[in-house]
Amino acid sequence: MRLLEKLKQKWGIQSNWDFVIINIVFALAGMTIVYERKPIFHLIGITAETPFIFKLIVWLLIVFPCYQINLIVFGALLGQFHFFWEKEKQMGRFLFKLFTRKKKSASSQKTHTS
């Protein structure tokens, strides 16, 4: 029960019902992306013989964003749009900082070596 309370506090929710619905959304989005991945991979021509690195790249560029969209859609359908939209914005800020930080460090190295 302690873990439940910690997660509720971390996620900023009060009720156990919201906690249950949020977990249902995660489960639905995860199960749905398993089925969506197959036609996506088929459309691109990925087979069992396709190298893993190519599958990983396609997954990161196409399937992962589809999962995020599933979270928003199922979250909206089950009344948790705000929760999932805030999480998506947090992830977007994190990814933005992650990619811009690398660029800044590379550009700052150029200025120091010039």
Protein backbone atom coordinates (compact mmCIF):
# COMPACT_ATOMS: atom_id res chain seq x y z
CA MET A 1 0.00 0.00 0.00
CA ARG A 2 2.94 2.30 0.60
CA LEU A 3 4.02 2.09 -3.05
CA LEU A 4 0.52 3.07 -4.13
CA GLU A 5 0.64 6.19 -1.97
CA LYS A 6 4.11 7.13 -3.25
CA LEU A 7 2.99 6.81 -6.86
CA LYS A 8 -0.17 8.79 -6.21
CA GLN A 9 1.91 11.55 -4.63
CA LYS A 10 4.49 11.50 -7.44
CA TRP A 11 1.78 11.60 -10.10
CA GLY A 12 -0.18 14.29 -8.27
CA ILE A 13 -3.41 12.31 -7.98
CA GLN A 14 -5.64 11.87 -4.95
CA SER A 15 -8.00 9.00 -5.54
CA ASN A 16 -7.40 5.30 -5.93
CA TRP A 17 -9.89 5.36 -8.80
CA ASP A 18 -7.68 7.76 -10.80
CA PHE A 19 -4.73 5.48 -10.10
CA VAL A 20 -6.64 2.47 -11.45
CA ILE A 21 -7.80 4.35 -14.57
CA ILE A 22 -4.27 5.62 -15.30
CA ASN A 23 -2.91 2.08 -15.09
CA ILE A 24 -5.70 0.84 -17.36
CA VAL A 25 -4.69 3.52 -19.89
CA PHE A 26 -1.06 2.35 -19.76
CA ALA A 27 -2.21 -1.24 -20.29
CA LEU A 28 -4.52 -0.37 -23.19
CA ALA A 29 -1.87 1.75 -24.91
CA GLY A 30 0.70 -1.02 -24.50
CA MET A 31 -1.59 -3.75 -25.81
CA THR A 32 -2.70 -1.60 -28.71
CA ILE A 33 0.83 -0.76 -29.87
CA VAL A 34 1.63 -4.48 -30.05
CA TYR A 35 -1.09 -4.82 -32.69
CA GLU A 36 -0.24 -1.54 -34.44
CA ARG A 37 3.45 -2.43 -34.75
CA LYS A 38 2.77 -5.44 -36.97
CA PRO A 39 1.12 -3.53 -39.85
CA ILE A 40 3.62 -0.69 -39.51
CA PHE A 41 6.55 -3.09 -39.80
CA HIS A 42 4.83 -4.92 -42.67
CA LEU A 43 4.19 -1.66 -44.53
CA ILE A 44 7.86 -0.70 -44.25
CA GLY A 45 8.95 -4.19 -45.27
CA ILE A 46 10.48 -5.32 -42.00
CA THR A 47 10.63 -9.11 -41.67
CA ALA A 48 12.17 -11.56 -39.22
CA GLU A 49 15.38 -11.39 -41.25
CA THR A 50 15.66 -7.59 -40.95
CA PRO A 51 18.64 -6.57 -38.81
CA PHE A 52 17.77 -5.69 -35.22
CA ILE A 53 19.33 -2.22 -35.43
CA PHE A 54 16.99 -1.28 -38.29
CA LYS A 55 13.99 -2.58 -36.33
CA LEU A 56 15.12 -0.56 -33.32
CA ILE A 57 15.46 2.63 -35.36
CA VAL A 58 12.00 2.18 -36.88
CA TRP A 59 10.57 1.43 -33.46
CA LEU A 60 12.08 4.60 -31.98
CA LEU A 61 11.06 6.83 -34.87
CA ILE A 62 7.58 5.46 -35.60
CA VAL A 63 6.24 2.97 -33.07
CA PHE A 64 7.28 4.85 -29.91
CA PRO A 65 5.48 8.07 -30.97
CA CYS A 66 2.40 5.98 -31.85
CA TYR A 67 2.45 4.62 -28.29
CA GLN A 68 2.53 8.17 -26.96
CA ILE A 69 -0.47 9.05 -29.12
CA ASN A 70 -2.27 5.96 -27.79
CA LEU A 71 -1.68 7.20 -24.25
CA ILE A 72 -3.27 10.55 -25.08
CA VAL A 73 -6.23 8.98 -26.90
CA PHE A 74 -7.02 6.36 -24.24
CA GLY A 75 -6.36 8.92 -21.52
CA ALA A 76 -8.89 11.27 -23.10
CA LEU A 77 -11.45 8.49 -23.57
CA LEU A 78 -11.13 7.48 -19.92
CA GLY A 79 -11.09 11.00 -18.47
CA GLN A 80 -7.37 11.31 -17.79
CA PHE A 81 -6.34 13.54 -20.70
CA HIS A 82 -4.80 16.20 -18.45
CA PHE A 83 -2.61 13.69 -16.61
CA PHE A 84 -1.23 12.16 -19.82
CA TRP A 85 -0.88 15.50 -21.60
CA GLU A 86 1.25 16.79 -18.72
CA LYS A 87 3.41 13.64 -18.86
CA GLU A 88 3.86 14.08 -22.62
CA LYS A 89 4.94 17.68 -22.14
CA GLN A 90 7.44 16.60 -19.48
CA MET A 91 8.85 13.97 -21.82
CA GLY A 92 9.06 16.50 -24.65
CA ARG A 93 11.01 18.92 -22.46
CA PHE A 94 13.33 16.11 -21.35
CA LEU A 95 14.02 15.00 -24.93
CA PHE A 96 14.51 18.60 -26.05
CA LYS A 97 17.06 19.20 -23.29
CA LEU A 98 18.75 15.90 -24.02
CA PHE A 99 19.28 16.71 -27.69
CA THR A 100 20.07 20.40 -27.28
CA ARG A 101 22.55 19.71 -24.48
CA LYS A 102 24.62 17.52 -26.80
CA LYS A 103 24.59 20.17 -29.50
CA LYS A 104 25.66 22.88 -27.07
CA SER A 105 28.54 20.83 -25.72
CA ALA A 106 29.74 20.11 -29.29
CA SER A 107 29.51 23.77 -30.28
CA SER A 108 31.25 24.91 -27.09
CA GLN A 109 34.13 22.54 -27.84
CA LYS A 110 34.54 24.19 -31.23
CA THR A 111 34.81 27.63 -29.64
CA HIS A 112 37.41 26.44 -27.15
CA THR A 113 39.55 24.81 -29.84
CA SER A 114 39.35 27.78 -32.25
